[in-house]
N, C-alpha and C. Protein backbone atom coordinates (compact mmCIF):
# COMPACT_ATOMS: atom_id res chain seq x y z
N MET A 1 0.84 -1.17 0.00
CA MET A 1 0.00 0.00 0.00
C MET A 1 0.90 1.24 0.00
N GLU A 2 0.64 2.12 -0.93
CA GLU A 2 1.42 3.35 -1.03
C GLU A 2 0.69 4.56 -0.46
N ILE A 3 -0.64 4.55 -0.52
CA ILE A 3 -1.44 5.67 -0.02
C ILE A 3 -2.53 5.12 0.89
N LEU A 4 -2.61 5.68 2.09
CA LEU A 4 -3.65 5.33 3.04
C LEU A 4 -4.43 6.60 3.35
N THR A 5 -5.72 6.59 3.03
CA THR A 5 -6.56 7.77 3.21
C THR A 5 -7.53 7.55 4.37
N LEU A 6 -7.38 8.37 5.39
CA LEU A 6 -8.26 8.33 6.56
C LEU A 6 -8.92 9.69 6.79
N ASN A 7 -8.90 10.55 5.78
CA ASN A 7 -9.50 11.88 5.88
C ASN A 7 -10.98 11.80 6.24
N GLY A 8 -11.42 12.73 7.06
CA GLY A 8 -12.84 12.92 7.32
C GLY A 8 -13.55 11.71 7.90
N ASN A 9 -12.90 10.95 8.75
CA ASN A 9 -13.52 9.76 9.35
C ASN A 9 -13.90 9.97 10.81
N ASN A 10 -13.89 11.22 11.27
CA ASN A 10 -14.25 11.56 12.65
C ASN A 10 -13.35 10.86 13.67
N LEU A 11 -12.08 10.67 13.31
CA LEU A 11 -11.11 10.05 14.21
C LEU A 11 -10.56 11.08 15.18
N SER A 12 -10.49 10.72 16.45
CA SER A 12 -9.86 11.62 17.42
C SER A 12 -8.54 11.05 17.92
N THR A 13 -8.36 9.75 17.80
CA THR A 13 -7.10 9.11 18.13
C THR A 13 -6.95 7.89 17.23
N LEU A 14 -5.75 7.37 17.19
CA LEU A 14 -5.47 6.23 16.32
C LEU A 14 -4.27 5.50 16.89
N GLY A 15 -4.42 4.20 17.09
CA GLY A 15 -3.29 3.40 17.56
C GLY A 15 -2.20 3.37 16.51
N GLN A 16 -1.00 3.08 16.96
CA GLN A 16 0.14 3.06 16.05
C GLN A 16 -0.08 2.04 14.96
N LEU A 17 0.18 2.45 13.74
CA LEU A 17 0.01 1.58 12.59
C LEU A 17 1.15 0.58 12.49
N ALA A 18 0.85 -0.57 11.94
CA ALA A 18 1.90 -1.56 11.67
C ALA A 18 2.83 -0.99 10.61
N PRO A 19 4.09 -1.39 10.61
CA PRO A 19 5.03 -0.88 9.60
C PRO A 19 4.54 -1.18 8.18
N MET A 20 4.60 -0.17 7.35
CA MET A 20 4.23 -0.30 5.94
C MET A 20 5.35 0.32 5.12
N PRO A 21 6.35 -0.47 4.77
CA PRO A 21 7.53 0.07 4.09
C PRO A 21 7.24 0.81 2.79
N SER A 22 6.18 0.43 2.09
CA SER A 22 5.89 1.08 0.81
C SER A 22 5.00 2.31 0.95
N LEU A 23 4.54 2.62 2.16
CA LEU A 23 3.66 3.78 2.37
C LEU A 23 4.39 5.08 2.06
N ARG A 24 3.80 5.86 1.16
CA ARG A 24 4.37 7.16 0.78
C ARG A 24 3.53 8.31 1.27
N VAL A 25 2.20 8.11 1.34
CA VAL A 25 1.27 9.18 1.72
C VAL A 25 0.27 8.63 2.73
N LEU A 26 0.10 9.37 3.82
CA LEU A 26 -0.89 9.05 4.83
C LEU A 26 -1.78 10.27 4.98
N ARG A 27 -3.03 10.14 4.60
CA ARG A 27 -3.96 11.28 4.63
C ARG A 27 -4.79 11.21 5.91
N LEU A 28 -4.58 12.20 6.76
CA LEU A 28 -5.20 12.23 8.09
C LEU A 28 -6.02 13.49 8.35
N ALA A 29 -6.13 14.36 7.38
CA ALA A 29 -6.79 15.66 7.56
C ALA A 29 -8.28 15.49 7.83
N GLU A 30 -8.88 16.58 8.28
CA GLU A 30 -10.32 16.68 8.50
C GLU A 30 -10.84 15.67 9.52
N ASN A 31 -10.06 15.45 10.56
CA ASN A 31 -10.46 14.63 11.70
C ASN A 31 -10.27 15.46 12.96
N PRO A 32 -11.11 15.27 13.97
CA PRO A 32 -10.99 16.05 15.21
C PRO A 32 -9.96 15.43 16.16
N TRP A 33 -8.68 15.51 15.81
CA TRP A 33 -7.62 14.84 16.57
C TRP A 33 -7.50 15.37 17.99
N LEU A 34 -7.39 14.45 18.92
CA LEU A 34 -7.09 14.75 20.31
C LEU A 34 -5.58 14.60 20.45
N CYS A 35 -4.87 15.69 20.47
CA CYS A 35 -3.40 15.67 20.46
C CYS A 35 -2.86 15.49 21.87
N ASP A 36 -2.66 14.25 22.23
CA ASP A 36 -2.09 13.92 23.53
C ASP A 36 -1.00 12.87 23.34
N CYS A 37 -0.56 12.26 24.43
CA CYS A 37 0.58 11.35 24.37
C CYS A 37 0.33 10.14 23.47
N ARG A 38 -0.92 9.80 23.21
CA ARG A 38 -1.20 8.64 22.35
C ARG A 38 -0.89 8.90 20.88
N LEU A 39 -0.67 10.17 20.51
CA LEU A 39 -0.32 10.49 19.12
C LEU A 39 1.16 10.79 18.93
N ARG A 40 1.98 10.41 19.90
CA ARG A 40 3.43 10.63 19.76
C ARG A 40 3.96 9.98 18.49
N TRP A 41 3.51 8.76 18.22
CA TRP A 41 3.99 8.05 17.03
C TRP A 41 3.61 8.81 15.76
N MET A 42 2.43 9.42 15.75
CA MET A 42 1.97 10.15 14.58
C MET A 42 2.79 11.42 14.37
N LYS A 43 3.20 12.03 15.45
CA LYS A 43 4.05 13.22 15.38
C LYS A 43 5.30 12.93 14.56
N LYS A 44 5.87 11.75 14.73
CA LYS A 44 7.07 11.37 13.98
C LYS A 44 6.78 11.26 12.49
N LEU A 45 5.57 10.85 12.14
CA LEU A 45 5.20 10.71 10.72
C LEU A 45 4.95 12.04 10.03
N VAL A 46 4.50 13.03 10.79
CA VAL A 46 4.17 14.32 10.17
C VAL A 46 5.32 15.31 10.24
N SER A 47 6.38 14.93 10.91
CA SER A 47 7.56 15.80 11.04
C SER A 47 8.73 15.17 10.30
N GLY A 48 9.76 15.93 10.16
CA GLY A 48 10.97 15.39 9.56
C GLY A 48 11.13 15.77 8.10
N PRO A 49 12.20 15.27 7.49
CA PRO A 49 12.54 15.68 6.12
C PRO A 49 11.54 15.20 5.06
N ARG A 50 10.91 14.05 5.28
CA ARG A 50 9.94 13.52 4.31
C ARG A 50 8.67 13.12 5.04
N PRO A 51 7.86 14.09 5.45
CA PRO A 51 6.65 13.74 6.20
C PRO A 51 5.67 12.95 5.34
N LEU A 52 5.06 11.93 5.94
CA LEU A 52 4.06 11.13 5.24
C LEU A 52 2.70 11.81 5.20
N ALA A 53 2.44 12.65 6.20
CA ALA A 53 1.13 13.29 6.31
C ALA A 53 1.30 14.79 6.48
N GLN A 54 0.31 15.53 5.98
CA GLN A 54 0.30 16.99 6.13
C GLN A 54 -1.09 17.42 6.55
N ASN A 55 -1.17 18.62 7.10
CA ASN A 55 -2.45 19.21 7.52
C ASN A 55 -3.19 18.36 8.54
N THR A 56 -2.44 17.72 9.42
CA THR A 56 -3.04 16.97 10.51
C THR A 56 -3.22 17.95 11.66
N ARG A 57 -4.45 18.42 11.86
CA ARG A 57 -4.71 19.49 12.83
C ARG A 57 -5.34 18.96 14.10
N CYS A 58 -4.88 19.52 15.21
CA CYS A 58 -5.43 19.18 16.52
C CYS A 58 -6.79 19.86 16.69
N HIS A 59 -7.70 19.16 17.29
CA HIS A 59 -9.00 19.72 17.64
C HIS A 59 -9.05 20.00 19.15
N ARG A 60 -8.50 19.08 19.90
CA ARG A 60 -8.41 19.19 21.35
C ARG A 60 -7.02 18.77 21.78
N PRO A 61 -6.57 19.17 22.92
CA PRO A 61 -7.15 20.10 23.88
C PRO A 61 -7.21 21.52 23.32
N ALA A 62 -7.94 22.36 24.00
CA ALA A 62 -8.22 23.70 23.49
C ALA A 62 -6.97 24.50 23.15
N HIS A 63 -5.90 24.35 23.93
CA HIS A 63 -4.69 25.15 23.66
C HIS A 63 -3.94 24.67 22.42
N PHE A 64 -4.32 23.55 21.83
CA PHE A 64 -3.74 23.09 20.56
C PHE A 64 -4.71 23.27 19.39
N HIS A 65 -5.91 23.74 19.65
CA HIS A 65 -6.96 23.80 18.63
C HIS A 65 -6.48 24.47 17.34
N MET A 66 -6.63 23.77 16.24
CA MET A 66 -6.29 24.19 14.88
C MET A 66 -4.79 24.30 14.61
N ARG A 67 -3.96 23.90 15.54
CA ARG A 67 -2.52 23.84 15.27
C ARG A 67 -2.24 22.52 14.56
N THR A 68 -1.33 22.56 13.62
CA THR A 68 -0.96 21.31 12.97
C THR A 68 -0.10 20.50 13.94
N LEU A 69 -0.24 19.20 13.85
CA LEU A 69 0.50 18.32 14.75
C LEU A 69 2.00 18.52 14.62
N GLU A 70 2.47 18.81 13.42
CA GLU A 70 3.92 19.02 13.27
C GLU A 70 4.40 20.27 14.02
N ASN A 71 3.50 21.19 14.35
CA ASN A 71 3.87 22.40 15.09
C ASN A 71 3.61 22.31 16.59
N VAL A 72 3.23 21.14 17.06
CA VAL A 72 3.06 20.93 18.49
C VAL A 72 4.36 20.33 19.02
N ASP A 73 4.87 20.90 20.09
CA ASP A 73 6.13 20.44 20.69
C ASP A 73 5.97 19.01 21.19
N VAL A 74 6.83 18.12 20.72
CA VAL A 74 6.73 16.71 21.11
C VAL A 74 6.88 16.53 22.61
N ALA A 75 7.65 17.36 23.27
CA ALA A 75 7.80 17.26 24.72
C ALA A 75 6.47 17.50 25.43
N VAL A 76 5.65 18.37 24.88
CA VAL A 76 4.33 18.63 25.46
C VAL A 76 3.43 17.42 25.26
N LEU A 77 3.51 16.77 24.11
CA LEU A 77 2.72 15.57 23.87
C LEU A 77 3.09 14.47 24.87
N TYR A 78 4.36 14.35 25.19
CA TYR A 78 4.80 13.32 26.12
C TYR A 78 4.26 13.55 27.52
N THR A 79 4.02 14.79 27.89
CA THR A 79 3.55 15.07 29.24
C THR A 79 2.05 15.25 29.32
N PHE A 80 1.39 15.42 28.18
CA PHE A 80 -0.05 15.66 28.20
C PHE A 80 -0.77 14.35 27.94
N ASN A 81 -1.49 13.86 28.95
CA ASN A 81 -2.20 12.59 28.85
C ASN A 81 -3.65 12.83 29.21
N THR A 82 -4.53 12.72 28.25
CA THR A 82 -5.95 12.92 28.53
C THR A 82 -6.63 11.62 28.89
N TYR A 83 -6.00 10.49 28.65
CA TYR A 83 -6.62 9.19 28.90
C TYR A 83 -7.02 9.05 30.36
N SER A 84 -6.14 9.41 31.26
CA SER A 84 -6.44 9.27 32.68
C SER A 84 -7.56 10.21 33.11
N LYS A 85 -7.78 11.28 32.38
CA LYS A 85 -8.83 12.24 32.73
C LYS A 85 -10.20 11.80 32.23
N GLN A 86 -10.24 10.80 31.34
CA GLN A 86 -11.51 10.38 30.75
C GLN A 86 -12.19 9.27 31.53
N LYS A 87 -11.61 8.80 32.62
CA LYS A 87 -12.19 7.69 33.40
C LYS A 87 -13.46 8.10 34.08
């Protein structure tokens, strides 16, 4: 698989994907992403010299609203955990 399209699927989080060596494009836009520690793996995919995904925007928490995931500090993602708050 070279292109995986998950645009507009109302996803707020996503478990880490299995390795896909042939993947060139990962479409994640138009989802209400909850940018917390569970998306650390995704941060690696949207950052760097050859990002697989673009326009992956955070919906929550409020202080990340509409920021692209590549512009969120990874250190903040590591310390921000909403899972424990949802119990």
